Amino acid sequence: MWRRSGVTADLLLTSPYVRAAQTAQIFASALEYAKQKIRRTDLLLPGAEPSQLFRELAKDKQASAVFLFGHAPQLDDVIATALGSKKHLTALKKAGVAFVEFETARAADWRAGVAGDS
């Protein structure tokens, strides 16, 4: 399904919690992404600081299509930070999905370490 829509993944990151990791594996299968390449990170656990996640993502200069698997309201925090907002712009529920696409300039901001710092 995803592959036919032209969606590809350069990187799949998941919370170490079971449900998030299982969902990441389902997406990996649909995207023909090697399951052993899924990276687990505590930066997607509830309460983690989104700016730390973006600093980590900025290190991976080859990843332009990143899928994140975590938990509400943490992912709402991540989305708000990515969009430069101090308030939630979303209210993801269980199994919720959000697609956020950035122009090249915004991605360059992350790599420079300024995304979410405003």
N, C-alpha and C. Protein backbone atom coordinates (compact mmCIF):
# COMPACT_ATOMS: atom_id res chain seq x y z
N MET A 1 0.81 -1.19 0.00
CA MET A 1 0.00 0.00 0.00
C MET A 1 0.86 1.26 0.00
N TRP A 2 1.76 1.42 0.98
CA TRP A 2 2.60 2.60 1.07
C TRP A 2 3.53 2.70 -0.13
N ARG A 3 4.10 1.58 -0.50
CA ARG A 3 5.06 1.57 -1.59
C ARG A 3 4.40 2.06 -2.88
N ARG A 4 3.17 1.64 -3.12
CA ARG A 4 2.46 2.07 -4.32
C ARG A 4 2.19 3.57 -4.32
N SER A 5 2.09 4.18 -3.15
CA SER A 5 1.81 5.61 -3.07
C SER A 5 3.08 6.44 -3.24
N GLY A 6 4.22 5.78 -3.37
CA GLY A 6 5.48 6.48 -3.55
C GLY A 6 6.17 6.86 -2.25
N VAL A 7 5.61 6.46 -1.11
CA VAL A 7 6.21 6.76 0.18
C VAL A 7 7.35 5.79 0.43
N THR A 8 8.48 6.34 0.79
CA THR A 8 9.64 5.52 1.14
C THR A 8 10.14 5.95 2.51
N ALA A 9 11.00 5.16 3.09
CA ALA A 9 11.55 5.48 4.41
C ALA A 9 13.06 5.37 4.38
N ASP A 10 13.71 6.40 4.90
CA ASP A 10 15.15 6.35 5.08
C ASP A 10 15.50 5.89 6.48
N LEU A 11 14.59 6.14 7.42
CA LEU A 11 14.86 5.84 8.81
C LEU A 11 13.55 5.62 9.56
N LEU A 12 13.49 4.54 10.33
CA LEU A 12 12.37 4.29 11.23
C LEU A 12 12.92 4.30 12.65
N LEU A 13 12.37 5.18 13.49
CA LEU A 13 12.75 5.27 14.89
C LEU A 13 11.53 4.94 15.74
N THR A 14 11.74 4.15 16.79
CA THR A 14 10.63 3.77 17.65
C THR A 14 11.00 3.90 19.11
N SER A 15 9.99 4.17 19.90
CA SER A 15 10.11 4.06 21.35
C SER A 15 10.41 2.59 21.65
N PRO A 16 11.09 2.31 22.74
CA PRO A 16 11.34 0.91 23.08
C PRO A 16 10.10 0.16 23.60
N TYR A 17 9.00 0.88 23.84
CA TYR A 17 7.80 0.22 24.34
C TYR A 17 7.22 -0.69 23.26
N VAL A 18 6.64 -1.80 23.71
CA VAL A 18 6.20 -2.88 22.82
C VAL A 18 5.25 -2.42 21.72
N ARG A 19 4.20 -1.71 22.05
CA ARG A 19 3.21 -1.33 21.01
C ARG A 19 3.83 -0.46 19.92
N ALA A 20 4.65 0.48 20.30
CA ALA A 20 5.30 1.34 19.31
C ALA A 20 6.22 0.50 18.42
N ALA A 21 6.99 -0.39 19.03
CA ALA A 21 7.91 -1.23 18.27
C ALA A 21 7.15 -2.16 17.32
N GLN A 22 6.03 -2.69 17.77
CA GLN A 22 5.21 -3.55 16.90
C GLN A 22 4.66 -2.77 15.71
N THR A 23 4.22 -1.55 15.96
CA THR A 23 3.70 -0.71 14.88
C THR A 23 4.81 -0.38 13.89
N ALA A 24 6.00 -0.10 14.39
CA ALA A 24 7.14 0.17 13.51
C ALA A 24 7.43 -1.04 12.62
N GLN A 25 7.31 -2.23 13.16
CA GLN A 25 7.55 -3.44 12.36
C GLN A 25 6.49 -3.61 11.28
N ILE A 26 5.25 -3.28 11.58
CA ILE A 26 4.18 -3.35 10.58
C ILE A 26 4.48 -2.39 9.44
N PHE A 27 4.85 -1.16 9.79
CA PHE A 27 5.18 -0.17 8.76
C PHE A 27 6.42 -0.61 7.96
N ALA A 28 7.40 -1.18 8.65
CA ALA A 28 8.61 -1.63 7.95
C ALA A 28 8.25 -2.65 6.88
N SER A 29 7.37 -3.57 7.20
CA SER A 29 6.94 -4.57 6.21
C SER A 29 6.26 -3.90 5.03
N ALA A 30 5.36 -2.97 5.32
CA ALA A 30 4.62 -2.29 4.26
C ALA A 30 5.53 -1.43 3.38
N LEU A 31 6.59 -0.90 3.97
CA LEU A 31 7.52 -0.03 3.25
C LEU A 31 8.71 -0.77 2.66
N GLU A 32 8.73 -2.10 2.87
CA GLU A 32 9.86 -2.92 2.43
C GLU A 32 11.17 -2.39 3.02
N TYR A 33 11.12 -2.07 4.30
CA TYR A 33 12.25 -1.55 5.07
C TYR A 33 12.71 -2.69 5.97
N ALA A 34 13.98 -2.96 6.00
CA ALA A 34 14.51 -4.08 6.80
C ALA A 34 14.21 -3.87 8.29
N LYS A 35 13.50 -4.82 8.88
CA LYS A 35 13.10 -4.69 10.29
C LYS A 35 14.29 -4.54 11.22
N GLN A 36 15.40 -5.18 10.88
CA GLN A 36 16.58 -5.10 11.75
C GLN A 36 17.21 -3.70 11.73
N LYS A 37 16.81 -2.85 10.77
CA LYS A 37 17.32 -1.48 10.70
C LYS A 37 16.50 -0.50 11.54
N ILE A 38 15.37 -0.94 12.08
CA ILE A 38 14.55 -0.07 12.94
C ILE A 38 15.38 0.26 14.18
N ARG A 39 15.47 1.54 14.49
CA ARG A 39 16.24 1.96 15.65
C ARG A 39 15.32 2.30 16.80
N ARG A 40 15.65 1.79 17.98
CA ARG A 40 14.90 2.11 19.19
C ARG A 40 15.60 3.26 19.89
N THR A 41 14.80 4.17 20.42
CA THR A 41 15.38 5.31 21.12
C THR A 41 14.51 5.74 22.29
N ASP A 42 15.16 6.06 23.39
CA ASP A 42 14.46 6.59 24.55
C ASP A 42 13.96 8.01 24.29
N LEU A 43 14.42 8.65 23.22
CA LEU A 43 14.00 10.01 22.89
C LEU A 43 12.55 10.07 22.42
N LEU A 44 11.91 8.90 22.23
CA LEU A 44 10.49 8.86 21.88
C LEU A 44 9.63 8.37 23.05
N LEU A 45 10.23 8.24 24.21
CA LEU A 45 9.47 7.86 25.41
C LEU A 45 8.70 9.07 25.93
N PRO A 46 7.57 8.82 26.59
CA PRO A 46 6.83 9.93 27.19
C PRO A 46 7.74 10.75 28.11
N GLY A 47 7.64 12.06 27.97
CA GLY A 47 8.43 12.97 28.80
C GLY A 47 9.77 13.36 28.21
N ALA A 48 10.18 12.72 27.14
CA ALA A 48 11.46 13.07 26.53
C ALA A 48 11.36 14.46 25.89
N GLU A 49 12.46 15.15 25.84
CA GLU A 49 12.51 16.50 25.28
C GLU A 49 12.62 16.42 23.76
N PRO A 50 11.62 16.92 23.01
CA PRO A 50 11.65 16.84 21.55
C PRO A 50 12.90 17.44 20.91
N SER A 51 13.43 18.52 21.48
CA SER A 51 14.61 19.14 20.87
C SER A 51 15.80 18.18 20.87
N GLN A 52 15.89 17.29 21.85
CA GLN A 52 16.96 16.29 21.85
C GLN A 52 16.78 15.32 20.69
N LEU A 53 15.54 14.95 20.41
CA LEU A 53 15.25 14.07 19.28
C LEU A 53 15.71 14.73 17.98
N PHE A 54 15.40 16.02 17.81
CA PHE A 54 15.77 16.71 16.58
C PHE A 54 17.29 16.87 16.46
N ARG A 55 17.97 17.04 17.59
CA ARG A 55 19.44 17.09 17.53
C ARG A 55 19.99 15.75 17.06
N GLU A 56 19.38 14.67 17.54
CA GLU A 56 19.80 13.33 17.11
C GLU A 56 19.51 13.11 15.63
N LEU A 57 18.32 13.52 15.19
CA LEU A 57 17.96 13.37 13.78
C LEU A 57 18.89 14.17 12.86
N ALA A 58 19.32 15.33 13.34
CA ALA A 58 20.18 16.20 12.53
C ALA A 58 21.53 15.54 12.23
N LYS A 59 21.94 14.60 13.07
CA LYS A 59 23.21 13.90 12.84
C LYS A 59 23.15 12.97 11.64
N ASP A 60 21.95 12.50 11.31
CA ASP A 60 21.78 11.56 10.21
C ASP A 60 21.45 12.35 8.94
N LYS A 61 22.46 12.82 8.28
CA LYS A 61 22.30 13.72 7.13
C LYS A 61 21.69 13.02 5.91
N GLN A 62 21.71 11.71 5.87
CA GLN A 62 21.17 10.97 4.73
C GLN A 62 19.67 10.74 4.84
N ALA A 63 19.11 10.89 6.03
CA ALA A 63 17.70 10.59 6.24
C ALA A 63 16.83 11.80 5.90
N SER A 64 16.02 11.66 4.86
CA SER A 64 15.09 12.74 4.53
C SER A 64 13.64 12.32 4.77
N ALA A 65 13.38 11.04 4.81
CA ALA A 65 12.04 10.51 5.10
C ALA A 65 12.13 9.68 6.37
N VAL A 66 11.67 10.25 7.47
CA VAL A 66 11.82 9.62 8.79
C VAL A 66 10.43 9.31 9.35
N PHE A 67 10.27 8.09 9.83
CA PHE A 67 9.04 7.68 10.49
C PHE A 67 9.33 7.52 11.97
N LEU A 68 8.48 8.12 12.81
CA LEU A 68 8.63 8.05 14.26
C LEU A 68 7.44 7.31 14.86
N PHE A 69 7.72 6.41 15.79
CA PHE A 69 6.68 5.61 16.43
C PHE A 69 6.81 5.80 17.94
N GLY A 70 5.78 6.41 18.52
CA GLY A 70 5.85 6.70 19.94
C GLY A 70 4.47 6.75 20.55
N HIS A 71 4.28 7.72 21.43
CA HIS A 71 3.09 7.73 22.28
C HIS A 71 2.54 9.15 22.41
N ALA A 72 1.23 9.21 22.63
CA ALA A 72 0.58 10.49 22.92
C ALA A 72 0.79 10.77 24.41
N PRO A 73 0.97 11.99 24.82
CA PRO A 73 1.04 13.20 24.01
C PRO A 73 2.46 13.53 23.52
N GLN A 74 3.40 12.62 23.74
CA GLN A 74 4.79 12.89 23.34
C GLN A 74 4.90 13.23 21.85
N LEU A 75 4.21 12.47 21.00
CA LEU A 75 4.30 12.77 19.56
C LEU A 75 3.65 14.11 19.24
N ASP A 76 2.65 14.52 19.99
CA ASP A 76 2.08 15.86 19.82
C ASP A 76 3.14 16.92 20.14
N ASP A 77 3.95 16.67 21.17
CA ASP A 77 5.05 17.57 21.51
C ASP A 77 6.07 17.64 20.37
N VAL A 78 6.39 16.48 19.80
CA VAL A 78 7.36 16.41 18.71
C VAL A 78 6.86 17.19 17.50
N ILE A 79 5.60 17.01 17.16
CA ILE A 79 5.01 17.71 16.01
C ILE A 79 5.02 19.22 16.25
N ALA A 80 4.60 19.63 17.43
CA ALA A 80 4.58 21.06 17.74
C ALA A 80 5.98 21.66 17.65
N THR A 81 6.96 20.97 18.20
CA THR A 81 8.34 21.45 18.15
C THR A 81 8.83 21.53 16.71
N ALA A 82 8.51 20.51 15.92
CA ALA A 82 8.94 20.49 14.52
C ALA A 82 8.37 21.67 13.75
N LEU A 83 7.17 22.09 14.13
CA LEU A 83 6.51 23.20 13.43
C LEU A 83 6.77 24.55 14.10
N GLY A 84 7.61 24.55 15.13
CA GLY A 84 7.97 25.80 15.79
C GLY A 84 6.92 26.34 16.73
N SER A 85 6.04 25.49 17.23
CA SER A 85 4.97 25.92 18.13
C SER A 85 5.26 25.49 19.56
N LYS A 86 4.90 26.32 20.50
CA LYS A 86 5.04 25.97 21.92
C LYS A 86 3.81 25.22 22.42
N LYS A 87 2.72 25.24 21.63
CA LYS A 87 1.48 24.56 22.01
C LYS A 87 1.20 23.41 21.04
N HIS A 88 0.49 22.41 21.54
CA HIS A 88 0.09 21.29 20.69
C HIS A 88 -0.79 21.78 19.55
N LEU A 89 -0.52 21.26 18.37
CA LEU A 89 -1.33 21.54 17.19
C LEU A 89 -2.14 20.32 16.79
N THR A 90 -1.83 19.20 17.44
CA THR A 90 -2.50 17.93 17.16
C THR A 90 -2.93 17.30 18.48
N ALA A 91 -3.78 16.30 18.37
CA ALA A 91 -4.20 15.50 19.53
C ALA A 91 -4.30 14.05 19.05
N LEU A 92 -3.15 13.44 18.84
CA LEU A 92 -3.14 12.07 18.32
C LEU A 92 -3.75 11.10 19.32
N LYS A 93 -4.52 10.17 18.81
CA LYS A 93 -5.11 9.10 19.61
C LYS A 93 -4.34 7.82 19.34
N LYS A 94 -4.72 6.73 20.01
CA LYS A 94 -4.09 5.44 19.73
C LYS A 94 -4.15 5.15 18.25
N ALA A 95 -3.04 4.68 17.73
CA ALA A 95 -2.90 4.33 16.31
C ALA A 95 -3.04 5.54 15.40
N GLY A 96 -2.92 6.74 15.97
CA GLY A 96 -2.98 7.95 15.16
C GLY A 96 -1.75 8.09 14.29
N VAL A 97 -1.92 8.74 13.17
CA VAL A 97 -0.84 8.96 12.23
C VAL A 97 -0.81 10.43 11.84
N ALA A 98 0.37 10.98 11.78
CA ALA A 98 0.54 12.35 11.31
C ALA A 98 1.62 12.35 10.25
N PHE A 99 1.40 13.11 9.20
CA PHE A 99 2.39 13.25 8.13
C PHE A 99 2.78 14.72 8.09
N VAL A 100 4.06 14.98 8.31
CA VAL A 100 4.56 16.35 8.29
C VAL A 100 5.66 16.41 7.25
N GLU A 101 5.50 17.30 6.30
CA GLU A 101 6.49 17.45 5.24
C GLU A 101 7.10 18.84 5.33
N PHE A 102 8.41 18.91 5.25
CA PHE A 102 9.11 20.18 5.35
C PHE A 102 9.80 20.53 4.06
N GLU A 103 9.90 21.80 3.83
CA GLU A 103 10.71 22.26 2.72
C GLU A 103 12.17 22.04 3.08
N THR A 104 13.00 22.03 2.10
CA THR A 104 14.43 21.79 2.31
C THR A 104 15.02 22.78 3.31
N ALA A 105 14.59 24.01 3.29
CA ALA A 105 15.13 25.02 4.20
C ALA A 105 14.89 24.65 5.66
N ARG A 106 13.70 24.12 5.97
CA ARG A 106 13.39 23.75 7.36
C ARG A 106 14.26 22.57 7.80
N ALA A 107 14.46 21.61 6.92
CA ALA A 107 15.34 20.49 7.24
C ALA A 107 16.76 20.98 7.48
N ALA A 108 17.19 21.96 6.72
CA ALA A 108 18.52 22.54 6.92
C ALA A 108 18.59 23.22 8.29
N ASP A 109 17.50 23.84 8.74
CA ASP A 109 17.46 24.44 10.06
C ASP A 109 17.72 23.40 11.15
N TRP A 110 17.10 22.22 11.00
CA TRP A 110 17.32 21.16 11.98
C TRP A 110 18.79 20.80 12.03
N ARG A 111 19.38 20.64 10.86
CA ARG A 111 20.78 20.24 10.83
C ARG A 111 21.67 21.32 11.42
N ALA A 112 21.23 22.57 11.36
CA ALA A 112 21.97 23.67 11.95
C ALA A 112 21.66 23.81 13.45
N GLY A 113 20.64 23.07 13.92
CA GLY A 113 20.31 23.07 15.34
C GLY A 113 19.39 24.18 15.78
N VAL A 114 18.62 24.77 14.84
CA VAL A 114 17.76 25.88 15.24
C VAL A 114 16.28 25.52 15.28
N ALA A 115 15.87 24.37 14.77
CA ALA A 115 14.45 24.01 14.77
C ALA A 115 13.97 23.86 16.20
N GLY A 116 12.86 24.49 16.50
CA GLY A 116 12.26 24.36 17.82
C GLY A 116 12.91 25.23 18.88
N ASP A 117 13.95 25.96 18.54
CA ASP A 117 14.62 26.80 19.52
C ASP A 117 14.00 28.18 19.64
N SER A 118 13.02 28.48 18.79
CA SER A 118 12.44 29.83 18.83
C SER A 118 11.39 29.96 19.90
